[in-house]
């Protein structure tokens, strides 16, 4: 068993994106917005690192168990990328999954107890369970699997605010009550990133379903392309992208309106998404759909990278 194979199994690049997303939300969105009102972050650096590590461990465990149960389909769809059962034994994969989840849940429970909100630790147990049932059951059900992956992806940035806001409310309770203010604006901003992550992940999952059409059909999976056909699935992809673009336009015209955001969103999000629509209708093979999936992943990363620009805009205007 090679270290490289382990890193492939746990999807190291994806884990780095998960960690970067949470750091970006904290230091480029939440912290500068609090500073405008002379508030300070309440979760110290060590505890925040524990939160990120717990999230990464649970995510890695999810990747391992997904590959464990997907071995037969992966041998059909992409045999060259199969790891479990080849370079890593199936028993080893299960041990890795259990270990990663135990560590992730323990850190989540410890952090929740440490900050005085032990009930938040239930989140990590729930996510771990959802990832197990996703791999064994949900991903074979029409739409359900796609929605679960999209929701869990959207939860990555949102869990940062879930762990930060309760201590903030506790610390500044009197000030908030006196001036009748709250932290809804932070929820709104992080919620925007989460919604974007949800929509793009949903689109990407459906594109990946078209990519894996032959294998999913052979093994009786009820994915959208298998049930309604690839041609009709392209209409769904197009509609979801157009809804995403319309939402971005609405947010920009209602809340942003600055030239920096306009140029950034136009060149890194809007144009690439329009290219994905074009590419979806032109694609007719597995390689083309895999390329579209890669482009969508890059667009998601660029969406996260909008966070530093938000900090710049905040500091420039306030």
C-alpha atoms as a PDB file:
ATOM      1  CA  UNK A   1       0.000   0.000   0.000  1.00  0.00           C
ATOM      2  CA  UNK A   2       1.516   3.285  -1.125  1.00  0.00           C
ATOM      3  CA  UNK A   3       1.088   6.681   0.521  1.00  0.00           C
ATOM      4  CA  UNK A   4       0.085   8.089  -2.856  1.00  0.00           C
ATOM      5  CA  UNK A   5      -2.807   5.620  -3.073  1.00  0.00           C
ATOM      6  CA  UNK A   6      -4.015   6.600   0.395  1.00  0.00           C
ATOM      7  CA  UNK A   7      -3.953  10.275  -0.579  1.00  0.00           C
ATOM      8  CA  UNK A   8      -5.918   9.446  -3.730  1.00  0.00           C
ATOM      9  CA  UNK A   9      -8.444   7.452  -1.710  1.00  0.00           C
ATOM     10  CA  UNK A  10      -9.151  10.276   0.733  1.00  0.00           C
ATOM     11  CA  UNK A  11      -9.149  12.840  -2.111  1.00  0.00           C
ATOM     12  CA  UNK A  12      -6.409  15.097  -0.705  1.00  0.00           C
ATOM     13  CA  UNK A  13      -7.079  17.993  -3.146  1.00  0.00           C
ATOM     14  CA  UNK A  14     -10.754  18.002  -2.141  1.00  0.00           C
ATOM     15  CA  UNK A  15      -9.839  17.979   1.548  1.00  0.00           C
ATOM     16  CA  UNK A  16      -7.557  20.969   0.997  1.00  0.00           C
ATOM     17  CA  UNK A  17     -10.463  22.771  -0.677  1.00  0.00           C
ATOM     18  CA  UNK A  18     -12.710  21.956   2.298  1.00  0.00           C
ATOM     19  CA  UNK A  19     -10.141  23.338   4.741  1.00  0.00           C
ATOM     20  CA  UNK A  20      -9.441  26.423   2.600  1.00  0.00           C
ATOM     21  CA  UNK A  21     -13.168  27.131   2.333  1.00  0.00           C
ATOM     22  CA  UNK A  22     -13.575  27.211   6.095  1.00  0.00           C
ATOM     23  CA  UNK A  23     -10.495  29.370   6.627  1.00  0.00           C
ATOM     24  CA  UNK A  24     -11.673  31.765   3.924  1.00  0.00           C
ATOM     25  CA  UNK A  25     -15.139  32.062   5.494  1.00  0.00           C
ATOM     26  CA  UNK A  26     -13.653  32.824   8.894  1.00  0.00           C
ATOM     27  CA  UNK A  27     -10.863  35.231   8.004  1.00  0.00           C
ATOM     28  CA  UNK A  28     -12.179  36.893   4.839  1.00  0.00           C
ATOM     29  CA  UNK A  29     -15.908  37.104   5.593  1.00  0.00           C
ATOM     30  CA  UNK A  30     -16.761  36.750   9.278  1.00  0.00           C
ATOM     31  CA  UNK A  31     -13.750  38.488  10.855  1.00  0.00           C
ATOM     32  CA  UNK A  32     -13.789  41.700   8.723  1.00  0.00           C
ATOM     33  CA  UNK A  33     -17.570  41.999   9.047  1.00  0.00           C
ATOM     34  CA  UNK A  34     -17.319  41.738  12.829  1.00  0.00           C
ATOM     35  CA  UNK A  35     -14.482  44.264  12.870  1.00  0.00           C
ATOM     36  CA  UNK A  36     -16.733  46.873  11.205  1.00  0.00           C
ATOM     37  CA  UNK A  37     -18.903  46.798  14.364  1.00  0.00           C
ATOM     38  CA  UNK A  38     -15.934  46.434  16.744  1.00  0.00           C
ATOM     39  CA  UNK A  39     -16.732  42.796  17.502  1.00  0.00           C
ATOM     40  CA  UNK A  40     -14.109  40.063  17.760  1.00  0.00           C
ATOM     41  CA  UNK A  41     -14.060  36.392  16.830  1.00  0.00           C
ATOM     42  CA  UNK A  42     -14.833  34.231  19.857  1.00  0.00           C
ATOM     43  CA  UNK A  43     -13.545  30.864  18.675  1.00  0.00           C
ATOM     44  CA  UNK A  44      -9.784  30.973  19.227  1.00  0.00           C
ATOM     45  CA  UNK A  45      -7.335  29.749  16.594  1.00  0.00           C
ATOM     46  CA  UNK A  46      -6.740  26.361  18.240  1.00  0.00           C
ATOM     47  CA  UNK A  47     -10.437  25.560  18.535  1.00  0.00           C
ATOM     48  CA  UNK A  48     -11.079  26.695  14.974  1.00  0.00           C
ATOM     49  CA  UNK A  49      -8.289  24.424  13.737  1.00  0.00           C
ATOM     50  CA  UNK A  50      -9.981  21.571  15.600  1.00  0.00           C
ATOM     51  CA  UNK A  51     -13.244  22.400  13.797  1.00  0.00           C
ATOM     52  CA  UNK A  52     -11.498  22.309  10.408  1.00  0.00           C
ATOM     53  CA  UNK A  53      -9.672  19.080  11.234  1.00  0.00           C
ATOM     54  CA  UNK A  54     -12.881  17.406  12.412  1.00  0.00           C
ATOM     55  CA  UNK A  55     -14.624  18.418   9.180  1.00  0.00           C
ATOM     56  CA  UNK A  56     -11.735  17.164   7.058  1.00  0.00           C
ATOM     57  CA  UNK A  57     -11.574  13.815   8.889  1.00  0.00           C
ATOM     58  CA  UNK A  58     -15.303  13.157   8.518  1.00  0.00           C
ATOM     59  CA  UNK A  59     -15.104  14.132   4.834  1.00  0.00           C
ATOM     60  CA  UNK A  60     -12.135  11.812   4.259  1.00  0.00           C
ATOM     61  CA  UNK A  61     -14.014   8.981   5.947  1.00  0.00           C
ATOM     62  CA  UNK A  62     -16.922   9.611   3.611  1.00  0.00           C
ATOM     63  CA  UNK A  63     -14.693   9.328   0.554  1.00  0.00           C
ATOM     64  CA  UNK A  64     -13.221   6.041   1.786  1.00  0.00           C
ATOM     65  CA  UNK A  65     -16.571   4.353   2.458  1.00  0.00           C
ATOM     66  CA  UNK A  66     -17.974   5.642  -0.823  1.00  0.00           C
ATOM     67  CA  UNK A  67     -15.126   4.005  -2.758  1.00  0.00           C
ATOM     68  CA  UNK A  68     -15.519   0.841  -0.677  1.00  0.00           C
ATOM     69  CA  UNK A  69     -19.129   0.345  -1.757  1.00  0.00           C
ATOM     70  CA  UNK A  70     -18.542   1.668  -5.290  1.00  0.00           C
ATOM     71  CA  UNK A  71     -15.824  -0.792  -6.261  1.00  0.00           C
ATOM     72  CA  UNK A  72     -17.881  -2.808  -8.782  1.00  0.00           C
ATOM     73  CA  UNK A  73     -19.309   0.260 -10.502  1.00  0.00           C
ATOM     74  CA  UNK A  74     -15.917   1.968 -10.582  1.00  0.00           C
ATOM     75  CA  UNK A  75     -14.339  -1.107 -12.189  1.00  0.00           C
ATOM     76  CA  UNK A  76     -16.920  -0.663 -14.950  1.00  0.00           C
ATOM     77  CA  UNK A  77     -16.790   3.135 -15.309  1.00  0.00           C
ATOM     78  CA  UNK A  78     -13.171   3.985 -14.550  1.00  0.00           C
ATOM     79  CA  UNK A  79     -11.064   0.842 -13.881  1.00  0.00           C
ATOM     80  CA  UNK A  80      -7.791   2.773 -13.986  1.00  0.00           C
ATOM     81  CA  UNK A  81      -8.833   4.832 -10.948  1.00  0.00           C
ATOM     82  CA  UNK A  82      -9.974   1.971  -8.702  1.00  0.00           C
ATOM     83  CA  UNK A  83      -8.008   1.840  -5.439  1.00  0.00           C
ATOM     84  CA  UNK A  84     -10.030  -0.250  -2.953  1.00  0.00           C
ATOM     85  CA  UNK A  85      -9.565  -3.932  -3.737  1.00  0.00           C
ATOM     86  CA  UNK A  86      -6.433  -3.265  -5.768  1.00  0.00           C
ATOM     87  CA  UNK A  87      -3.682  -1.262  -4.079  1.00  0.00           C
ATOM     88  CA  UNK A  88      -5.611  -0.962  -0.796  1.00  0.00           C
ATOM     89  CA  UNK A  89      -7.335  -4.004   0.699  1.00  0.00           C
ATOM     90  CA  UNK A  90     -11.045  -3.754   1.435  1.00  0.00           C
ATOM     91  CA  UNK A  91     -10.466  -4.575   5.115  1.00  0.00           C
ATOM     92  CA  UNK A  92      -7.872  -1.794   5.332  1.00  0.00           C
ATOM     93  CA  UNK A  93     -10.339   0.650   3.778  1.00  0.00           C
ATOM     94  CA  UNK A  94     -12.974  -0.186   6.413  1.00  0.00           C
ATOM     95  CA  UNK A  95     -10.414   0.289   9.212  1.00  0.00           C
ATOM     96  CA  UNK A  96      -9.461   3.663   7.700  1.00  0.00           C
ATOM     97  CA  UNK A  97     -13.113   4.701   7.494  1.00  0.00           C
ATOM     98  CA  UNK A  98     -13.820   3.781  11.116  1.00  0.00           C
ATOM     99  CA  UNK A  99     -10.634   5.449  12.368  1.00  0.00           C
ATOM    100  CA  UNK A 100     -11.249   8.686  10.468  1.00  0.00           C
ATOM    101  CA  UNK A 101     -14.841   8.892  11.677  1.00  0.00           C
ATOM    102  CA  UNK A 102     -14.002   8.141  15.305  1.00  0.00           C
ATOM    103  CA  UNK A 103     -11.345  10.855  15.299  1.00  0.00           C
ATOM    104  CA  UNK A 104     -13.614  13.353  13.536  1.00  0.00           C
ATOM    105  CA  UNK A 105     -16.572  12.728  15.839  1.00  0.00           C
ATOM    106  CA  UNK A 106     -14.359  12.843  18.939  1.00  0.00           C
ATOM    107  CA  UNK A 107     -12.865  16.203  17.911  1.00  0.00           C
ATOM    108  CA  UNK A 108     -16.323  17.565  17.092  1.00  0.00           C
ATOM    109  CA  UNK A 109     -17.695  16.483  20.474  1.00  0.00           C
ATOM    110  CA  UNK A 110     -14.640  17.817  22.299  1.00  0.00           C
ATOM    111  CA  UNK A 111     -14.866  21.202  20.580  1.00  0.00           C
ATOM    112  CA  UNK A 112     -18.599  21.482  21.242  1.00  0.00           C
ATOM    113  CA  UNK A 113     -18.080  20.708  24.916  1.00  0.00           C
ATOM    114  CA  UNK A 114     -15.104  23.063  25.145  1.00  0.00           C
ATOM    115  CA  UNK A 115     -17.073  26.085  23.897  1.00  0.00           C
ATOM    116  CA  UNK A 116     -20.095  25.245  26.041  1.00  0.00           C
ATOM    117  CA  UNK A 117     -22.458  24.044  23.303  1.00  0.00           C
ATOM    118  CA  UNK A 118     -22.130  20.254  23.543  1.00  0.00           C
ATOM    119  CA  UNK A 119     -25.289  19.679  21.478  1.00  0.00           C
ATOM    120  CA  UNK A 120     -23.469  20.943  18.372  1.00  0.00           C
ATOM    121  CA  UNK A 121     -21.364  17.776  18.489  1.00  0.00           C
ATOM    122  CA  UNK A 122     -24.385  15.830  17.272  1.00  0.00           C
ATOM    123  CA  UNK A 123     -23.772  17.429  13.862  1.00  0.00           C
ATOM    124  CA  UNK A 124     -20.635  15.357  13.287  1.00  0.00           C
ATOM    125  CA  UNK A 125     -22.334  12.114  14.287  1.00  0.00           C
ATOM    126  CA  UNK A 126     -25.238  12.876  11.961  1.00  0.00           C
ATOM    127  CA  UNK A 127     -22.996  13.733   9.015  1.00  0.00           C
ATOM    128  CA  UNK A 128     -20.961  10.567   9.534  1.00  0.00           C
ATOM    129  CA  UNK A 129     -24.146   8.502   9.519  1.00  0.00           C
ATOM    130  CA  UNK A 130     -25.538  10.283   6.478  1.00  0.00           C
ATOM    131  CA  UNK A 131     -22.324   9.609   4.537  1.00  0.00           C
ATOM    132  CA  UNK A 132     -22.548   5.900   5.419  1.00  0.00           C
ATOM    133  CA  UNK A 133     -26.157   5.586   4.297  1.00  0.00           C
ATOM    134  CA  UNK A 134     -25.412   7.696   1.223  1.00  0.00           C
ATOM    135  CA  UNK A 135     -22.767   5.191   0.139  1.00  0.00           C
ATOM    136  CA  UNK A 136     -24.912   2.151   0.898  1.00  0.00           C
ATOM    137  CA  UNK A 137     -28.387   3.318  -0.095  1.00  0.00           C
ATOM    138  CA  UNK A 138     -29.143   6.957  -0.943  1.00  0.00           C
ATOM    139  CA  UNK A 139     -26.836   7.320  -3.945  1.00  0.00           C
ATOM    140  CA  UNK A 140     -28.801   4.582  -5.716  1.00  0.00           C
ATOM    141  CA  UNK A 141     -32.071   6.496  -5.311  1.00  0.00           C
ATOM    142  CA  UNK A 142     -33.344   9.004  -7.832  1.00  0.00           C
ATOM    143  CA  UNK A 143     -32.212  12.576  -6.985  1.00  0.00           C
ATOM    144  CA  UNK A 144     -31.783  11.770  -3.260  1.00  0.00           C
ATOM    145  CA  UNK A 145     -28.071  11.040  -3.534  1.00  0.00           C
ATOM    146  CA  UNK A 146     -27.425  14.188  -5.580  1.00  0.00           C
ATOM    147  CA  UNK A 147     -29.257  16.354  -3.057  1.00  0.00           C
ATOM    148  CA  UNK A 148     -27.409  14.846  -0.088  1.00  0.00           C
ATOM    149  CA  UNK A 149     -23.983  15.524  -1.611  1.00  0.00           C
ATOM    150  CA  UNK A 150     -25.031  19.067  -2.526  1.00  0.00           C
ATOM    151  CA  UNK A 151     -26.392  19.748   0.975  1.00  0.00           C
ATOM    152  CA  UNK A 152     -23.286  18.387   2.697  1.00  0.00           C
ATOM    153  CA  UNK A 153     -21.055  20.481   0.432  1.00  0.00           C
ATOM    154  CA  UNK A 154     -23.127  23.566   1.248  1.00  0.00           C
ATOM    155  CA  UNK A 155     -22.736  22.748   4.932  1.00  0.00           C
ATOM    156  CA  UNK A 156     -18.918  23.040   4.776  1.00  0.00           C
ATOM    157  CA  UNK A 157     -18.868  26.871   4.849  1.00  0.00           C
ATOM    158  CA  UNK A 158     -22.012  27.128   6.969  1.00  0.00           C
ATOM    159  CA  UNK A 159     -20.675  25.073   9.881  1.00  0.00           C
ATOM    160  CA  UNK A 160     -18.113  27.846  10.461  1.00  0.00           C
ATOM    161  CA  UNK A 161     -20.850  30.339  11.304  1.00  0.00           C
ATOM    162  CA  UNK A 162     -22.759  27.725  13.326  1.00  0.00           C
ATOM    163  CA  UNK A 163     -19.798  27.392  15.685  1.00  0.00           C
ATOM    164  CA  UNK A 164     -18.952  31.103  15.760  1.00  0.00           C
ATOM    165  CA  UNK A 165     -22.313  32.812  16.268  1.00  0.00           C
ATOM    166  CA  UNK A 166     -23.477  31.245  19.585  1.00  0.00           C
ATOM    167  CA  UNK A 167     -20.326  32.368  21.477  1.00  0.00           C
ATOM    168  CA  UNK A 168     -20.650  35.805  19.834  1.00  0.00           C
ATOM    169  CA  UNK A 169     -24.240  36.157  21.004  1.00  0.00           C
ATOM    170  CA  UNK A 170     -23.230  35.074  24.488  1.00  0.00           C
ATOM    171  CA  UNK A 171     -20.318  37.553  24.636  1.00  0.00           C
ATOM    172  CA  UNK A 172     -22.154  40.572  23.214  1.00  0.00           C
ATOM    173  CA  UNK A 173     -25.652  39.815  24.486  1.00  0.00           C
ATOM    174  CA  UNK A 174     -26.112  43.137  26.267  1.00  0.00           C
ATOM    175  CA  UNK A 175     -24.889  45.216  23.326  1.00  0.00           C
ATOM    176  CA  UNK A 176     -27.078  43.302  20.891  1.00  0.00           C
ATOM    177  CA  UNK A 177     -30.113  43.757  23.133  1.00  0.00           C
ATOM    178  CA  UNK A 178     -29.421  47.458  23.722  1.00  0.00           C
ATOM    179  CA  UNK A 179     -29.058  48.351  20.049  1.00  0.00           C
ATOM    180  CA  UNK A 180     -31.497  45.780  18.698  1.00  0.00           C
ATOM    181  CA  UNK A 181     -28.968  44.261  16.292  1.00  0.00           C
ATOM    182  CA  UNK A 182     -27.809  40.748  15.507  1.00  0.00           C
ATOM    183  CA  UNK A 183     -25.590  38.733  13.219  1.00  0.00           C
ATOM    184  CA  UNK A 184     -28.101  37.993  10.476  1.00  0.00           C
ATOM    185  CA  UNK A 185     -25.878  39.756   7.920  1.00  0.00           C
ATOM    186  CA  UNK A 186     -23.142  37.201   8.554  1.00  0.00           C
ATOM    187  CA  UNK A 187     -25.618  34.352   8.158  1.00  0.00           C
ATOM    188  CA  UNK A 188     -26.737  35.936   4.881  1.00  0.00           C
ATOM    189  CA  UNK A 189     -23.208  36.193   3.474  1.00  0.00           C
ATOM    190  CA  UNK A 190     -22.137  32.696   4.457  1.00  0.00           C
ATOM    191  CA  UNK A 191     -25.537  31.438   3.317  1.00  0.00           C
ATOM    192  CA  UNK A 192     -24.828  32.954  -0.095  1.00  0.00           C
ATOM    193  CA  UNK A 193     -21.607  30.973  -0.421  1.00  0.00           C
ATOM    194  CA  UNK A 194     -23.423  27.856   0.789  1.00  0.00           C
ATOM    195  CA  UNK A 195     -26.219  28.291  -1.744  1.00  0.00           C
ATOM    196  CA  UNK A 196     -23.685  28.718  -4.537  1.00  0.00           C
ATOM    197  CA  UNK A 197     -21.882  25.559  -3.371  1.00  0.00           C
ATOM    198  CA  UNK A 198     -25.200  23.691  -3.254  1.00  0.00           C
ATOM    199  CA  UNK A 199     -26.234  24.647  -6.787  1.00  0.00           C
ATOM    200  CA  UNK A 200     -22.841  23.990  -8.383  1.00  0.00           C
ATOM    201  CA  UNK A 201     -22.418  20.678  -6.572  1.00  0.00           C
ATOM    202  CA  UNK A 202     -25.890  19.571  -7.652  1.00  0.00           C
ATOM    203  CA  UNK A 203     -25.052  20.402 -11.269  1.00  0.00           C
ATOM    204  CA  UNK A 204     -21.694  18.650 -11.019  1.00  0.00           C
ATOM    205  CA  UNK A 205     -23.215  15.512  -9.497  1.00  0.00           C
ATOM    206  CA  UNK A 206     -25.709  15.281 -12.353  1.00  0.00           C
ATOM    207  CA  UNK A 207     -22.931  15.782 -14.919  1.00  0.00           C
ATOM    208  CA  UNK A 208     -20.963  12.988 -13.207  1.00  0.00           C
ATOM    209  CA  UNK A 209     -24.073  10.791 -13.418  1.00  0.00           C
ATOM    210  CA  UNK A 210     -24.099  11.249 -17.189  1.00  0.00           C
ATOM    211  CA  UNK A 211     -20.388  10.445 -17.223  1.00  0.00           C
ATOM    212  CA  UNK A 212     -21.090   7.193 -15.337  1.00  0.00           C
ATOM    213  CA  UNK A 213     -24.279   6.409 -17.275  1.00  0.00           C
ATOM    214  CA  UNK A 214     -23.226   3.024 -18.647  1.00  0.00           C
ATOM    215  CA  UNK A 215     -22.003   1.630 -15.343  1.00  0.00           C
ATOM    216  CA  UNK A 216     -24.955   2.976 -13.359  1.00  0.00           C
ATOM    217  CA  UNK A 217     -27.379   1.481 -15.870  1.00  0.00           C
ATOM    218  CA  UNK A 218     -25.610  -1.884 -15.784  1.00  0.00           C
ATOM    219  CA  UNK A 219     -25.804  -2.057 -11.987  1.00  0.00           C
ATOM    220  CA  UNK A 220     -29.405  -0.848 -11.758  1.00  0.00           C
ATOM    221  CA  UNK A 221     -28.860   2.585 -10.238  1.00  0.00           C
ATOM    222  CA  UNK A 222     -31.743   5.027 -10.564  1.00  0.00           C
ATOM    223  CA  UNK A 223     -29.762   8.126 -11.466  1.00  0.00           C
ATOM    224  CA  UNK A 224     -31.430  10.945 -13.377  1.00  0.00           C
ATOM    225  CA  UNK A 225     -29.804  10.058 -16.752  1.00  0.00           C
ATOM    226  CA  UNK A 226     -30.739   6.383 -16.342  1.00  0.00           C
ATOM    227  CA  UNK A 227     -34.371   7.222 -15.549  1.00  0.00           C
ATOM    228  CA  UNK A 228     -35.100  10.051 -18.026  1.00  0.00           C
ATOM    229  CA  UNK A 229     -32.223   9.743 -20.484  1.00  0.00           C
ATOM    230  CA  UNK A 230     -29.139  11.887 -21.070  1.00  0.00           C
ATOM    231  CA  UNK A 231     -30.868  14.266 -23.496  1.00  0.00           C
ATOM    232  CA  UNK A 232     -33.540  15.248 -20.957  1.00  0.00           C
ATOM    233  CA  UNK A 233     -30.904  15.448 -18.213  1.00  0.00           C
ATOM    234  CA  UNK A 234     -29.137  18.159 -20.212  1.00  0.00           C
ATOM    235  CA  UNK A 235     -32.253  20.320 -19.876  1.00  0.00           C
ATOM    236  CA  UNK A 236     -32.080  19.931 -16.088  1.00  0.00           C
ATOM    237  CA  UNK A 237     -28.396  20.890 -16.033  1.00  0.00           C
ATOM    238  CA  UNK A 238     -29.088  23.934 -18.184  1.00  0.00           C
ATOM    239  CA  UNK A 239     -32.025  25.011 -16.020  1.00  0.00           C
ATOM    240  CA  UNK A 240     -30.005  24.695 -12.793  1.00  0.00           C
ATOM    241  CA  UNK A 241     -27.134  26.734 -14.229  1.00  0.00           C
ATOM    242  CA  UNK A 242     -29.511  29.434 -15.465  1.00  0.00           C
ATOM    243  CA  UNK A 243     -31.134  29.584 -12.007  1.00  0.00           C
ATOM    244  CA  UNK A 244     -27.663  29.972 -10.490  1.00  0.00           C
ATOM    245  CA  UNK A 245     -26.781  32.762 -12.911  1.00  0.00           C
ATOM    246  CA  UNK A 246     -30.095  34.525 -12.268  1.00  0.00           C
ATOM    247  CA  UNK A 247     -29.524  34.283  -8.504  1.00  0.00           C
ATOM    248  CA  UNK A 248     -26.014  35.716  -8.823  1.00  0.00           C
ATOM    249  CA  UNK A 249     -27.329  38.584 -10.943  1.00  0.00           C
ATOM    250  CA  UNK A 250     -30.066  39.315  -8.419  1.00  0.00           C
ATOM    251  CA  UNK A 251     -27.621  39.310  -5.504  1.00  0.00           C
ATOM    252  CA  UNK A 252     -25.249  41.596  -7.365  1.00  0.00           C
ATOM    253  CA  UNK A 253     -27.912  44.131  -8.352  1.00  0.00           C
ATOM    254  CA  UNK A 254     -29.521  44.091  -4.896  1.00  0.00           C
ATOM    255  CA  UNK A 255     -26.570  43.986  -2.504  1.00  0.00           C
ATOM    256  CA  UNK A 256     -23.185  44.342  -4.217  1.00  0.00           C
ATOM    257  CA  UNK A 257     -23.163  46.794  -7.130  1.00  0.00           C
ATOM    258  CA  UNK A 258     -19.381  47.376  -6.941  1.00  0.00           C
ATOM    259  CA  UNK A 259     -17.184  47.177 -10.028  1.00  0.00           C
ATOM    260  CA  UNK A 260     -14.755  44.685  -8.445  1.00  0.00           C
ATOM    261  CA  UNK A 261     -17.474  42.105  -7.858  1.00  0.00           C
ATOM    262  CA  UNK A 262     -18.891  42.693 -11.325  1.00  0.00           C
ATOM    263  CA  UNK A 263     -15.612  41.908 -13.064  1.00  0.00           C
ATOM    264  CA  UNK A 264     -14.767  38.992 -10.785  1.00  0.00           C
ATOM    265  CA  UNK A 265     -18.152  37.282 -11.065  1.00  0.00           C
ATOM    266  CA  UNK A 266     -18.409  37.917 -14.788  1.00  0.00           C
ATOM    267  CA  UNK A 267     -15.042  36.456 -15.757  1.00  0.00           C
ATOM    268  CA  UNK A 268     -14.660  33.664 -13.171  1.00  0.00           C
ATOM    269  CA  UNK A 269     -18.258  32.483 -12.715  1.00  0.00           C
ATOM    270  CA  UNK A 270     -20.677  33.691 -15.392  1.00  0.00           C
ATOM    271  CA  UNK A 271     -18.603  33.094 -18.533  1.00  0.00           C
ATOM    272  CA  UNK A 272     -17.351  29.656 -17.374  1.00  0.00           C
ATOM    273  CA  UNK A 273     -20.913  28.581 -16.480  1.00  0.00           C
ATOM    274  CA  UNK A 274     -22.162  29.661 -19.901  1.00  0.00           C
ATOM    275  CA  UNK A 275     -19.320  27.584 -21.367  1.00  0.00           C
ATOM    276  CA  UNK A 276     -20.523  24.591 -19.302  1.00  0.00           C
ATOM    277  CA  UNK A 277     -24.020  24.969 -20.772  1.00  0.00           C
ATOM    278  CA  UNK A 278     -22.531  25.017 -24.272  1.00  0.00           C
ATOM    279  CA  UNK A 279     -20.236  22.084 -23.477  1.00  0.00           C
ATOM    280  CA  UNK A 280     -23.106  20.055 -22.003  1.00  0.00           C
ATOM    281  CA  UNK A 281     -25.038  20.173 -25.255  1.00  0.00           C
ATOM    282  CA  UNK A 282     -21.947  19.421 -27.345  1.00  0.00           C
ATOM    283  CA  UNK A 283     -20.675  16.556 -25.160  1.00  0.00           C
ATOM    284  CA  UNK A 284     -21.275  13.017 -26.369  1.00  0.00           C
ATOM    285  CA  UNK A 285     -18.717  10.938 -24.501  1.00  0.00           C
ATOM    286  CA  UNK A 286     -17.328  10.171 -21.054  1.00  0.00           C
ATOM    287  CA  UNK A 287     -14.193  12.285 -21.553  1.00  0.00           C
ATOM    288  CA  UNK A 288     -16.200  15.392 -22.423  1.00  0.00           C
ATOM    289  CA  UNK A 289     -18.430  15.032 -19.366  1.00  0.00           C
ATOM    290  CA  UNK A 290     -15.413  14.453 -17.153  1.00  0.00           C
ATOM    291  CA  UNK A 291     -13.918  17.682 -18.496  1.00  0.00           C
ATOM    292  CA  UNK A 292     -17.143  19.551 -17.688  1.00  0.00           C
ATOM    293  CA  UNK A 293     -17.076  18.096 -14.166  1.00  0.00           C
ATOM    294  CA  UNK A 294     -13.517  19.387 -13.738  1.00  0.00           C
ATOM    295  CA  UNK A 295     -14.528  22.855 -14.984  1.00  0.00           C
ATOM    296  CA  UNK A 296     -17.434  22.964 -12.520  1.00  0.00           C
ATOM    297  CA  UNK A 297     -15.070  22.057  -9.700  1.00  0.00           C
ATOM    298  CA  UNK A 298     -12.755  24.880 -10.740  1.00  0.00           C
ATOM    299  CA  UNK A 299     -15.693  27.314 -10.796  1.00  0.00           C
ATOM    300  CA  UNK A 300     -16.586  26.271  -7.238  1.00  0.00           C
ATOM    301  CA  UNK A 301     -13.024  26.976  -6.115  1.00  0.00           C
ATOM    302  CA  UNK A 302     -13.157  30.375  -7.829  1.00  0.00           C
ATOM    303  CA  UNK A 303     -16.427  31.042  -6.019  1.00  0.00           C
ATOM    304  CA  UNK A 304     -14.691  30.431  -2.691  1.00  0.00           C
ATOM    305  CA  UNK A 305     -11.831  32.694  -3.814  1.00  0.00           C
ATOM    306  CA  UNK A 306     -14.302  35.560  -4.044  1.00  0.00           C
ATOM    307  CA  UNK A 307     -14.022  35.759  -0.228  1.00  0.00           C
ATOM    308  CA  UNK A 308     -10.672  37.653  -0.185  1.00  0.00           C
ATOM    309  CA  UNK A 309     -12.199  40.214  -2.548  1.00  0.00           C
ATOM    310  CA  UNK A 310     -15.091  40.639  -0.099  1.00  0.00           C
ATOM    311  CA  UNK A 311     -12.591  41.461   2.653  1.00  0.00           C
ATOM    312  CA  UNK A 312     -10.877  43.984   0.385  1.00  0.00           C
ATOM    313  CA  UNK A 313     -14.209  45.667  -0.403  1.00  0.00           C
ATOM    314  CA  UNK A 314     -15.198  45.794   3.271  1.00  0.00           C
ATOM    315  CA  UNK A 315     -11.882  47.322   4.343  1.00  0.00           C
ATOM    316  CA  UNK A 316     -11.953  49.787   1.470  1.00  0.00           C
ATOM    317  CA  UNK A 317     -15.473  51.019   2.261  1.00  0.00           C
ATOM    318  CA  UNK A 318     -15.347  50.952   6.042  1.00  0.00           C
END
